[in-house]
Amino acid sequence: MNQNPYEIFQKECPELAARFNDLIEAQKALTGLDAKTKQLINIAIQTANRNPRGVEMHSMMAKNEGATREEIVGAVVLNLHHSGFAKVIECLPAAIDGFEGKI
């Protein structure tokens, strides 16, 4: 069974993880974008960084904020002309798994 990397980070580095969580909460509190839009942007960023695990997690969070499957897929494929086909193909299955709760 694969352990959740974020849980390992929290266990191994509790003080650093707590401060990182504070940063995340500060970012969530920024005004100007709603929570769903922030998650869709995170999906696009994670795809550009070729991070399927991040795409999967943010897809789940985006769905919880009301994003549709089409919006989540759109956030991934938006990278096609920016970051390349390989990143999109690598991250698209993770986006669908996150949306469908297959984490």
PDB file of N, CA and C in Angstrom:
ATOM      1  N   MET A   1       0.841  -1.187   0.000  1.00  0.00           N
ATOM      2  CA  MET A   1       0.000   0.000   0.000  1.00  0.00           C
ATOM      3  C   MET A   1       0.883   1.245   0.000  1.00  0.00           C
ATOM      4  N   ASN A   2       0.606   2.166  -0.898  1.00  0.00           N
ATOM      5  CA  ASN A   2       1.374   3.403  -0.974  1.00  0.00           C
ATOM      6  C   ASN A   2       0.927   4.361   0.112  1.00  0.00           C
ATOM      7  N   GLN A   3       1.898   4.936   0.786  1.00  0.00           N
ATOM      8  CA  GLN A   3       1.571   5.951   1.772  1.00  0.00           C
ATOM      9  C   GLN A   3       1.382   7.290   1.082  1.00  0.00           C
ATOM     10  N   ASN A   4       0.542   8.108   1.664  1.00  0.00           N
ATOM     11  CA  ASN A   4       0.318   9.453   1.169  1.00  0.00           C
ATOM     12  C   ASN A   4       1.581  10.272   1.452  1.00  0.00           C
ATOM     13  N   PRO A   5       2.219  10.793   0.407  1.00  0.00           N
ATOM     14  CA  PRO A   5       3.462  11.552   0.613  1.00  0.00           C
ATOM     15  C   PRO A   5       3.291  12.756   1.538  1.00  0.00           C
ATOM     16  N   TYR A   6       2.133  13.388   1.477  1.00  0.00           N
ATOM     17  CA  TYR A   6       1.898  14.552   2.329  1.00  0.00           C
ATOM     18  C   TYR A   6       1.820  14.140   3.798  1.00  0.00           C
ATOM     19  N   GLU A   7       1.213  12.986   4.061  1.00  0.00           N
ATOM     20  CA  GLU A   7       1.156  12.479   5.436  1.00  0.00           C
ATOM     21  C   GLU A   7       2.552  12.134   5.943  1.00  0.00           C
ATOM     22  N   ILE A   8       3.391  11.590   5.090  1.00  0.00           N
ATOM     23  CA  ILE A   8       4.780  11.294   5.471  1.00  0.00           C
ATOM     24  C   ILE A   8       5.497  12.599   5.817  1.00  0.00           C
ATOM     25  N   PHE A   9       5.311  13.624   4.977  1.00  0.00           N
ATOM     26  CA  PHE A   9       5.913  14.941   5.229  1.00  0.00           C
ATOM     27  C   PHE A   9       5.475  15.473   6.589  1.00  0.00           C
ATOM     28  N   GLN A  10       4.174  15.365   6.888  1.00  0.00           N
ATOM     29  CA  GLN A  10       3.662  15.861   8.168  1.00  0.00           C
ATOM     30  C   GLN A  10       4.240  15.079   9.345  1.00  0.00           C
ATOM     31  N   LYS A  11       4.397  13.791   9.175  1.00  0.00           N
ATOM     32  CA  LYS A  11       4.942  12.954  10.253  1.00  0.00           C
ATOM     33  C   LYS A  11       6.426  13.219  10.475  1.00  0.00           C
ATOM     34  N   GLU A  12       7.173  13.309   9.397  1.00  0.00           N
ATOM     35  CA  GLU A  12       8.630  13.443   9.491  1.00  0.00           C
ATOM     36  C   GLU A  12       9.085  14.865   9.801  1.00  0.00           C
ATOM     37  N   CYS A  13       8.313  15.845   9.409  1.00  0.00           N
ATOM     38  CA  CYS A  13       8.692  17.251   9.575  1.00  0.00           C
ATOM     39  C   CYS A  13       7.514  18.043  10.138  1.00  0.00           C
ATOM     40  N   PRO A  14       7.072  17.746  11.342  1.00  0.00           N
ATOM     41  CA  PRO A  14       5.835  18.360  11.843  1.00  0.00           C
ATOM     42  C   PRO A  14       5.864  19.884  11.925  1.00  0.00           C
ATOM     43  N   GLU A  15       6.975  20.469  12.355  1.00  0.00           N
ATOM     44  CA  GLU A  15       7.029  21.933  12.455  1.00  0.00           C
ATOM     45  C   GLU A  15       6.989  22.584  11.083  1.00  0.00           C
ATOM     46  N   LEU A  16       7.763  22.048  10.169  1.00  0.00           N
ATOM     47  CA  LEU A  16       7.776  22.582   8.806  1.00  0.00           C
ATOM     48  C   LEU A  16       6.412  22.385   8.149  1.00  0.00           C
ATOM     49  N   ALA A  17       5.806  21.227   8.361  1.00  0.00           N
ATOM     50  CA  ALA A  17       4.482  20.950   7.795  1.00  0.00           C
ATOM     51  C   ALA A  17       3.447  21.930   8.341  1.00  0.00           C
ATOM     52  N   ALA A  18       3.533  22.235   9.631  1.00  0.00           N
ATOM     53  CA  ALA A  18       2.586  23.187  10.228  1.00  0.00           C
ATOM     54  C   ALA A  18       2.728  24.562   9.586  1.00  0.00           C
ATOM     55  N   ARG A  19       3.942  24.987   9.345  1.00  0.00           N
ATOM     56  CA  ARG A  19       4.155  26.300   8.720  1.00  0.00           C
ATOM     57  C   ARG A  19       3.733  26.292   7.256  1.00  0.00           C
ATOM     58  N   PHE A  20       3.963  25.172   6.603  1.00  0.00           N
ATOM     59  CA  PHE A  20       3.505  25.021   5.219  1.00  0.00           C
ATOM     60  C   PHE A  20       1.976  25.095   5.175  1.00  0.00           C
ATOM     61  N   ASN A  21       1.321  24.446   6.125  1.00  0.00           N
ATOM     62  CA  ASN A  21      -0.145  24.500   6.201  1.00  0.00           C
ATOM     63  C   ASN A  21      -0.629  25.930   6.425  1.00  0.00           C
ATOM     64  N   ASP A  22       0.114  26.702   7.223  1.00  0.00           N
ATOM     65  CA  ASP A  22      -0.234  28.110   7.420  1.00  0.00           C
ATOM     66  C   ASP A  22      -0.171  28.875   6.093  1.00  0.00           C
ATOM     67  N   LEU A  23       0.852  28.588   5.296  1.00  0.00           N
ATOM     68  CA  LEU A  23       0.981  29.228   3.984  1.00  0.00           C
ATOM     69  C   LEU A  23      -0.203  28.862   3.099  1.00  0.00           C
ATOM     70  N   ILE A  24      -0.574  27.595   3.089  1.00  0.00           N
ATOM     71  CA  ILE A  24      -1.721  27.159   2.289  1.00  0.00           C
ATOM     72  C   ILE A  24      -2.990  27.883   2.730  1.00  0.00           C
ATOM     73  N   GLU A  25      -3.195  28.003   4.035  1.00  0.00           N
ATOM     74  CA  GLU A  25      -4.389  28.688   4.541  1.00  0.00           C
ATOM     75  C   GLU A  25      -4.378  30.168   4.151  1.00  0.00           C
ATOM     76  N   ALA A  26      -3.201  30.787   4.178  1.00  0.00           N
ATOM     77  CA  ALA A  26      -3.091  32.195   3.765  1.00  0.00           C
ATOM     78  C   ALA A  26      -3.432  32.339   2.279  1.00  0.00           C
ATOM     79  N   GLN A  27      -2.977  31.395   1.461  1.00  0.00           N
ATOM     80  CA  GLN A  27      -3.301  31.443   0.034  1.00  0.00           C
ATOM     81  C   GLN A  27      -4.798  31.232  -0.192  1.00  0.00           C
ATOM     82  N   LYS A  28      -5.404  30.312   0.537  1.00  0.00           N
ATOM     83  CA  LYS A  28      -6.841  30.070   0.413  1.00  0.00           C
ATOM     84  C   LYS A  28      -7.644  31.318   0.762  1.00  0.00           C
ATOM     85  N   ALA A  29      -7.113  32.114   1.696  1.00  0.00           N
ATOM     86  CA  ALA A  29      -7.828  33.296   2.170  1.00  0.00           C
ATOM     87  C   ALA A  29      -7.733  34.482   1.210  1.00  0.00           C
ATOM     88  N   LEU A  30      -6.854  34.406   0.215  1.00  0.00           N
ATOM     89  CA  LEU A  30      -6.741  35.499  -0.743  1.00  0.00           C
ATOM     90  C   LEU A  30      -8.067  35.707  -1.458  1.00  0.00           C
ATOM     91  N   THR A  31      -8.432  36.943  -1.622  1.00  0.00           N
ATOM     92  CA  THR A  31      -9.687  37.249  -2.314  1.00  0.00           C
ATOM     93  C   THR A  31      -9.421  37.457  -3.800  1.00  0.00           C
ATOM     94  N   GLY A  32     -10.469  37.465  -4.574  1.00  0.00           N
ATOM     95  CA  GLY A  32     -10.350  37.717  -6.006  1.00  0.00           C
ATOM     96  C   GLY A  32     -10.716  36.508  -6.849  1.00  0.00           C
ATOM     97  N   LEU A  33     -10.440  35.311  -6.345  1.00  0.00           N
ATOM     98  CA  LEU A  33     -10.802  34.083  -7.044  1.00  0.00           C
ATOM     99  C   LEU A  33     -11.587  33.196  -6.095  1.00  0.00           C
ATOM    100  N   ASP A  34     -12.603  32.533  -6.618  1.00  0.00           N
ATOM    101  CA  ASP A  34     -13.333  31.602  -5.769  1.00  0.00           C
ATOM    102  C   ASP A  34     -12.536  30.305  -5.625  1.00  0.00           C
ATOM    103  N   ALA A  35     -12.931  29.471  -4.669  1.00  0.00           N
ATOM    104  CA  ALA A  35     -12.191  28.250  -4.336  1.00  0.00           C
ATOM    105  C   ALA A  35     -12.104  27.287  -5.523  1.00  0.00           C
ATOM    106  N   LYS A  36     -13.170  27.156  -6.291  1.00  0.00           N
ATOM    107  CA  LYS A  36     -13.154  26.258  -7.448  1.00  0.00           C
ATOM    108  C   LYS A  36     -12.132  26.728  -8.477  1.00  0.00           C
ATOM    109  N   THR A  37     -12.120  28.004  -8.768  1.00  0.00           N
ATOM    110  CA  THR A  37     -11.176  28.549  -9.746  1.00  0.00           C
ATOM    111  C   THR A  37      -9.738  28.349  -9.274  1.00  0.00           C
ATOM    112  N   LYS A  38      -9.489  28.559  -7.999  1.00  0.00           N
ATOM    113  CA  LYS A  38      -8.144  28.337  -7.450  1.00  0.00           C
ATOM    114  C   LYS A  38      -7.713  26.886  -7.660  1.00  0.00           C
ATOM    115  N   GLN A  39      -8.626  25.947  -7.437  1.00  0.00           N
ATOM    116  CA  GLN A  39      -8.280  24.538  -7.621  1.00  0.00           C
ATOM    117  C   GLN A  39      -8.024  24.220  -9.099  1.00  0.00           C
ATOM    118  N   LEU A  40      -8.806  24.789  -9.999  1.00  0.00           N
ATOM    119  CA  LEU A  40      -8.579  24.563 -11.423  1.00  0.00           C
ATOM    120  C   LEU A  40      -7.225  25.126 -11.855  1.00  0.00           C
ATOM    121  N   ILE A  41      -6.857  26.264 -11.315  1.00  0.00           N
ATOM    122  CA  ILE A  41      -5.535  26.825 -11.605  1.00  0.00           C
ATOM    123  C   ILE A  41      -4.446  25.908 -11.058  1.00  0.00           C
ATOM    124  N   ASN A  42      -4.664  25.384  -9.856  1.00  0.00           N
ATOM    125  CA  ASN A  42      -3.689  24.446  -9.281  1.00  0.00           C
ATOM    126  C   ASN A  42      -3.523  23.211 -10.157  1.00  0.00           C
ATOM    127  N   ILE A  43      -4.615  22.717 -10.730  1.00  0.00           N
ATOM    128  CA  ILE A  43      -4.531  21.561 -11.627  1.00  0.00           C
ATOM    129  C   ILE A  43      -3.663  21.907 -12.834  1.00  0.00           C
ATOM    130  N   ALA A  44      -3.883  23.074 -13.412  1.00  0.00           N
ATOM    131  CA  ALA A  44      -3.083  23.489 -14.568  1.00  0.00           C
ATOM    132  C   ALA A  44      -1.606  23.629 -14.193  1.00  0.00           C
ATOM    133  N   ILE A  45      -1.334  24.191 -13.026  1.00  0.00           N
ATOM    134  CA  ILE A  45       0.055  24.348 -12.579  1.00  0.00           C
ATOM    135  C   ILE A  45       0.698  22.982 -12.342  1.00  0.00           C
ATOM    136  N   GLN A  46      -0.026  22.086 -11.683  1.00  0.00           N
ATOM    137  CA  GLN A  46       0.520  20.755 -11.415  1.00  0.00           C
ATOM    138  C   GLN A  46       0.775  19.992 -12.718  1.00  0.00           C
ATOM    139  N   THR A  47      -0.093  20.183 -13.712  1.00  0.00           N
ATOM    140  CA  THR A  47       0.131  19.561 -15.014  1.00  0.00           C
ATOM    141  C   THR A  47       1.392  20.129 -15.651  1.00  0.00           C
ATOM    142  N   ALA A  48       1.549  21.435 -15.612  1.00  0.00           N
ATOM    143  CA  ALA A  48       2.741  22.068 -16.190  1.00  0.00           C
ATOM    144  C   ALA A  48       4.011  21.577 -15.502  1.00  0.00           C
ATOM    145  N   ASN A  49       3.904  21.250 -14.218  1.00  0.00           N
ATOM    146  CA  ASN A  49       5.058  20.738 -13.461  1.00  0.00           C
ATOM    147  C   ASN A  49       5.191  19.222 -13.568  1.00  0.00           C
ATOM    148  N   ARG A  50       4.325  18.615 -14.360  1.00  0.00           N
ATOM    149  CA  ARG A  50       4.331  17.157 -14.586  1.00  0.00           C
ATOM    150  C   ARG A  50       4.244  16.403 -13.261  1.00  0.00           C
ATOM    151  N   ASN A  51       3.214  16.754 -12.497  1.00  0.00           N
ATOM    152  CA  ASN A  51       3.007  16.169 -11.178  1.00  0.00           C
ATOM    153  C   ASN A  51       1.633  15.498 -11.119  1.00  0.00           C
ATOM    154  N   PRO A  52       1.522  14.263 -11.613  1.00  0.00           N
ATOM    155  CA  PRO A  52       0.219  13.598 -11.612  1.00  0.00           C
ATOM    156  C   PRO A  52      -0.405  13.469 -10.222  1.00  0.00           C
ATOM    157  N   ARG A  53       0.399  13.249  -9.206  1.00  0.00           N
ATOM    158  CA  ARG A  53      -0.148  13.126  -7.843  1.00  0.00           C
ATOM    159  C   ARG A  53      -0.815  14.439  -7.424  1.00  0.00           C
ATOM    160  N   GLY A  54      -0.173  15.562  -7.731  1.00  0.00           N
ATOM    161  CA  GLY A  54      -0.768  16.857  -7.428  1.00  0.00           C
ATOM    162  C   GLY A  54      -2.036  17.102  -8.229  1.00  0.00           C
ATOM    163  N   VAL A  55      -2.032  16.684  -9.498  1.00  0.00           N
ATOM    164  CA  VAL A  55      -3.229  16.816 -10.341  1.00  0.00           C
ATOM    165  C   VAL A  55      -4.368  16.013  -9.728  1.00  0.00           C
ATOM    166  N   GLU A  56      -4.058  14.808  -9.302  1.00  0.00           N
ATOM    167  CA  GLU A  56      -5.075  13.935  -8.710  1.00  0.00           C
ATOM    168  C   GLU A  56      -5.690  14.559  -7.455  1.00  0.00           C
ATOM    169  N   MET A  57      -4.841  15.041  -6.570  1.00  0.00           N
ATOM    170  CA  MET A  57      -5.321  15.629  -5.321  1.00  0.00           C
ATOM    171  C   MET A  57      -6.140  16.899  -5.580  1.00  0.00           C
ATOM    172  N   HIS A  58      -5.640  17.774  -6.436  1.00  0.00           N
ATOM    173  CA  HIS A  58      -6.358  19.023  -6.711  1.00  0.00           C
ATOM    174  C   HIS A  58      -7.638  18.777  -7.514  1.00  0.00           C
ATOM    175  N   SER A  59      -7.673  17.706  -8.304  1.00  0.00           N
ATOM    176  CA  SER A  59      -8.905  17.354  -9.009  1.00  0.00           C
ATOM    177  C   SER A  59      -9.990  16.957  -8.023  1.00  0.00           C
ATOM    178  N   MET A  60      -9.599  16.192  -7.017  1.00  0.00           N
ATOM    179  CA  MET A  60     -10.553  15.810  -5.984  1.00  0.00           C
ATOM    180  C   MET A  60     -11.059  17.053  -5.250  1.00  0.00           C
ATOM    181  N   MET A  61     -10.148  17.960  -4.909  1.00  0.00           N
ATOM    182  CA  MET A  61     -10.537  19.182  -4.209  1.00  0.00           C
ATOM    183  C   MET A  61     -11.408  20.079  -5.098  1.00  0.00           C
ATOM    184  N   ALA A  62     -11.074  20.140  -6.399  1.00  0.00           N
ATOM    185  CA  ALA A  62     -11.871  20.949  -7.327  1.00  0.00           C
ATOM    186  C   ALA A  62     -13.289  20.403  -7.429  1.00  0.00           C
ATOM    187  N   LYS A  63     -13.422  19.092  -7.497  1.00  0.00           N
ATOM    188  CA  LYS A  63     -14.760  18.497  -7.538  1.00  0.00           C
ATOM    189  C   LYS A  63     -15.532  18.864  -6.276  1.00  0.00           C
ATOM    190  N   ASN A  64     -14.855  18.799  -5.128  1.00  0.00           N
ATOM    191  CA  ASN A  64     -15.502  19.158  -3.864  1.00  0.00           C
ATOM    192  C   ASN A  64     -15.946  20.615  -3.841  1.00  0.00           C
ATOM    193  N   GLU A  65     -15.311  21.455  -4.658  1.00  0.00           N
ATOM    194  CA  GLU A  65     -15.675  22.872  -4.746  1.00  0.00           C
ATOM    195  C   GLU A  65     -16.688  23.127  -5.865  1.00  0.00           C
ATOM    196  N   GLY A  66     -17.156  22.056  -6.517  1.00  0.00           N
ATOM    197  CA  GLY A  66     -18.192  22.200  -7.525  1.00  0.00           C
ATOM    198  C   GLY A  66     -17.729  22.121  -8.972  1.00  0.00           C
ATOM    199  N   ALA A  67     -16.461  21.811  -9.207  1.00  0.00           N
ATOM    200  CA  ALA A  67     -15.966  21.713 -10.581  1.00  0.00           C
ATOM    201  C   ALA A  67     -16.538  20.474 -11.258  1.00  0.00           C
ATOM    202  N   THR A  68     -16.814  20.608 -12.521  1.00  0.00           N
ATOM    203  CA  THR A  68     -17.290  19.474 -13.313  1.00  0.00           C
ATOM    204  C   THR A  68     -16.098  18.714 -13.877  1.00  0.00           C
ATOM    205  N   ARG A  69     -16.372  17.520 -14.340  1.00  0.00           N
ATOM    206  CA  ARG A  69     -15.328  16.719 -14.992  1.00  0.00           C
ATOM    207  C   ARG A  69     -14.754  17.494 -16.179  1.00  0.00           C
ATOM    208  N   GLU A  70     -15.635  18.137 -16.948  1.00  0.00           N
ATOM    209  CA  GLU A  70     -15.189  18.888 -18.124  1.00  0.00           C
ATOM    210  C   GLU A  70     -14.258  20.036 -17.732  1.00  0.00           C
ATOM    211  N   GLU A  71     -14.553  20.713 -16.636  1.00  0.00           N
ATOM    212  CA  GLU A  71     -13.684  21.811 -16.186  1.00  0.00           C
ATOM    213  C   GLU A  71     -12.316  21.277 -15.759  1.00  0.00           C
ATOM    214  N   ILE A  72     -12.307  20.150 -15.085  1.00  0.00           N
ATOM    215  CA  ILE A  72     -11.047  19.558 -14.622  1.00  0.00           C
ATOM    216  C   ILE A  72     -10.217  19.087 -15.809  1.00  0.00           C
ATOM    217  N   VAL A  73     -10.838  18.392 -16.744  1.00  0.00           N
ATOM    218  CA  VAL A  73     -10.133  17.963 -17.955  1.00  0.00           C
ATOM    219  C   VAL A  73      -9.619  19.187 -18.712  1.00  0.00           C
ATOM    220  N   GLY A  74     -10.439  20.228 -18.784  1.00  0.00           N
ATOM    221  CA  GLY A  74     -10.029  21.459 -19.465  1.00  0.00           C
ATOM    222  C   GLY A  74      -8.809  22.102 -18.844  1.00  0.00           C
ATOM    223  N   ALA A  75      -8.715  22.052 -17.510  1.00  0.00           N
ATOM    224  CA  ALA A  75      -7.549  22.627 -16.822  1.00  0.00           C
ATOM    225  C   ALA A  75      -6.279  21.871 -17.172  1.00  0.00           C
ATOM    226  N   VAL A  76      -6.396  20.555 -17.386  1.00  0.00           N
ATOM    227  CA  VAL A  76      -5.226  19.749 -17.774  1.00  0.00           C
ATOM    228  C   VAL A  76      -4.854  20.032 -19.226  1.00  0.00           C
ATOM    229  N   VAL A  77      -5.814  19.920 -20.126  1.00  0.00           N
ATOM    230  CA  VAL A  77      -5.481  20.036 -21.551  1.00  0.00           C
ATOM    231  C   VAL A  77      -5.145  21.464 -21.971  1.00  0.00           C
ATOM    232  N   LEU A  78      -5.438  22.445 -21.116  1.00  0.00           N
ATOM    233  CA  LEU A  78      -5.022  23.815 -21.377  1.00  0.00           C
ATOM    234  C   LEU A  78      -3.505  23.898 -21.567  1.00  0.00           C
ATOM    235  N   ASN A  79      -2.793  22.952 -20.992  1.00  0.00           N
ATOM    236  CA  ASN A  79      -1.333  22.933 -21.070  1.00  0.00           C
ATOM    237  C   ASN A  79      -0.791  22.400 -22.387  1.00  0.00           C
ATOM    238  N   LEU A  80      -1.645  21.893 -23.247  1.00  0.00           N
ATOM    239  CA  LEU A  80      -1.180  21.244 -24.471  1.00  0.00           C
ATOM    240  C   LEU A  80      -0.222  22.126 -25.261  1.00  0.00           C
ATOM    241  N   HIS A  81      -0.605  23.357 -25.521  1.00  0.00           N
ATOM    242  CA  HIS A  81       0.273  24.222 -26.315  1.00  0.00           C
ATOM    243  C   HIS A  81       1.285  24.985 -25.454  1.00  0.00           C
ATOM    244  N   HIS A  82       1.116  24.979 -24.140  1.00  0.00           N
ATOM    245  CA  HIS A  82       2.065  25.655 -23.252  1.00  0.00           C
ATOM    246  C   HIS A  82       3.192  24.722 -22.809  1.00  0.00           C
ATOM    247  N   SER A  83       2.819  23.528 -22.395  1.00  0.00           N
ATOM    248  CA  SER A  83       3.781  22.635 -21.744  1.00  0.00           C
ATOM    249  C   SER A  83       4.059  21.358 -22.505  1.00  0.00           C
ATOM    250  N   GLY A  84       3.208  21.020 -23.452  1.00  0.00           N
ATOM    251  CA  GLY A  84       3.467  19.859 -24.283  1.00  0.00           C
ATOM    252  C   GLY A  84       2.545  18.680 -24.039  1.00  0.00           C
ATOM    253  N   PHE A  85       2.477  17.863 -25.055  1.00  0.00           N
ATOM    254  CA  PHE A  85       1.593  16.703 -25.078  1.00  0.00           C
ATOM    255  C   PHE A  85       1.940  15.695 -23.994  1.00  0.00           C
ATOM    256  N   ALA A  86       3.223  15.449 -23.753  1.00  0.00           N
ATOM    257  CA  ALA A  86       3.632  14.432 -22.774  1.00  0.00           C
ATOM    258  C   ALA A  86       3.092  14.748 -21.384  1.00  0.00           C
ATOM    259  N   LYS A  87       3.127  15.998 -20.991  1.00  0.00           N
ATOM    260  CA  LYS A  87       2.631  16.374 -19.666  1.00  0.00           C
ATOM    261  C   LYS A  87       1.125  16.179 -19.573  1.00  0.00           C
ATOM    262  N   VAL A  88       0.419  16.528 -20.630  1.00  0.00           N
ATOM    263  CA  VAL A  88      -1.038  16.368 -20.643  1.00  0.00           C
ATOM    264  C   VAL A  88      -1.394  14.888 -20.562  1.00  0.00           C
ATOM    265  N   ILE A  89      -0.771  14.069 -21.372  1.00  0.00           N
ATOM    266  CA  ILE A  89      -1.072  12.635 -21.394  1.00  0.00           C
ATOM    267  C   ILE A  89      -0.719  11.983 -20.063  1.00  0.00           C
ATOM    268  N   GLU A  90       0.344  12.424 -19.439  1.00  0.00           N
ATOM    269  CA  GLU A  90       0.741  11.862 -18.148  1.00  0.00           C
ATOM    270  C   GLU A  90      -0.231  12.254 -17.038  1.00  0.00           C
ATOM    271  N   CYS A  91      -0.774  13.452 -17.090  1.00  0.00           N
ATOM    272  CA  CYS A  91      -1.602  13.965 -15.995  1.00  0.00           C
ATOM    273  C   CYS A  91      -3.098  13.761 -16.184  1.00  0.00           C
ATOM    274  N   LEU A  92      -3.555  13.556 -17.406  1.00  0.00           N
ATOM    275  CA  LEU A  92      -4.989  13.417 -17.642  1.00  0.00           C
ATOM    276  C   LEU A  92      -5.611  12.241 -16.882  1.00  0.00           C
ATOM    277  N   PRO A  93      -5.002  11.052 -16.882  1.00  0.00           N
ATOM    278  CA  PRO A  93      -5.590   9.956 -16.098  1.00  0.00           C
ATOM    279  C   PRO A  93      -5.666  10.277 -14.602  1.00  0.00           C
ATOM    280  N   ALA A  94      -4.671  10.982 -14.083  1.00  0.00           N
ATOM    281  CA  ALA A  94      -4.680  11.364 -12.663  1.00  0.00           C
ATOM    282  C   ALA A  94      -5.820  12.329 -12.370  1.00  0.00           C
ATOM    283  N   ALA A  95      -6.103  13.234 -13.297  1.00  0.00           N
ATOM    284  CA  ALA A  95      -7.196  14.183 -13.105  1.00  0.00           C
ATOM    285  C   ALA A  95      -8.530  13.444 -13.030  1.00  0.00           C
ATOM    286  N   ILE A  96      -8.712  12.480 -13.903  1.00  0.00           N
ATOM    287  CA  ILE A  96      -9.960  11.716 -13.911  1.00  0.00           C
ATOM    288  C   ILE A  96     -10.061  10.852 -12.658  1.00  0.00           C
ATOM    289  N   ASP A  97      -8.949  10.226 -12.248  1.00  0.00           N
ATOM    290  CA  ASP A  97      -8.959   9.436 -11.015  1.00  0.00           C
ATOM    291  C   ASP A  97      -9.316  10.301  -9.812  1.00  0.00           C
ATOM    292  N   GLY A  98      -8.756  11.490  -9.739  1.00  0.00           N
ATOM    293  CA  GLY A  98      -9.081  12.393  -8.631  1.00  0.00           C
ATOM    294  C   GLY A  98     -10.539  12.796  -8.649  1.00  0.00           C
ATOM    295  N   PHE A  99     -11.056  13.099  -9.838  1.00  0.00           N
ATOM    296  CA  PHE A  99     -12.464  13.482  -9.949  1.00  0.00           C
ATOM    297  C   PHE A  99     -13.378  12.337  -9.529  1.00  0.00           C
ATOM    298  N   GLU A 100     -13.001  11.113  -9.913  1.00  0.00           N
ATOM    299  CA  GLU A 100     -13.840   9.952  -9.620  1.00  0.00           C
ATOM    300  C   GLU A 100     -13.575   9.379  -8.232  1.00  0.00           C
ATOM    301  N   GLY A 101     -12.652  10.004  -7.471  1.00  0.00           N
ATOM    302  CA  GLY A 101     -12.385   9.546  -6.118  1.00  0.00           C
ATOM    303  C   GLY A 101     -11.599   8.255  -6.046  1.00  0.00           C
ATOM    304  N   LYS A 102     -10.761   8.010  -7.003  1.00  0.00           N
ATOM    305  CA  LYS A 102      -9.971   6.767  -7.038  1.00  0.00           C
ATOM    306  C   LYS A 102      -8.599   6.934  -6.401  1.00  0.00           C
ATOM    307  N   ILE A 103      -8.495   7.835  -5.470  1.00  0.00           N
ATOM    308  CA  ILE A 103      -7.203   8.100  -4.830  1.00  0.00           C
ATOM    309  C   ILE A 103      -6.952   7.041  -3.787  1.00  0.00           C
TER     310      ILE A 103
END
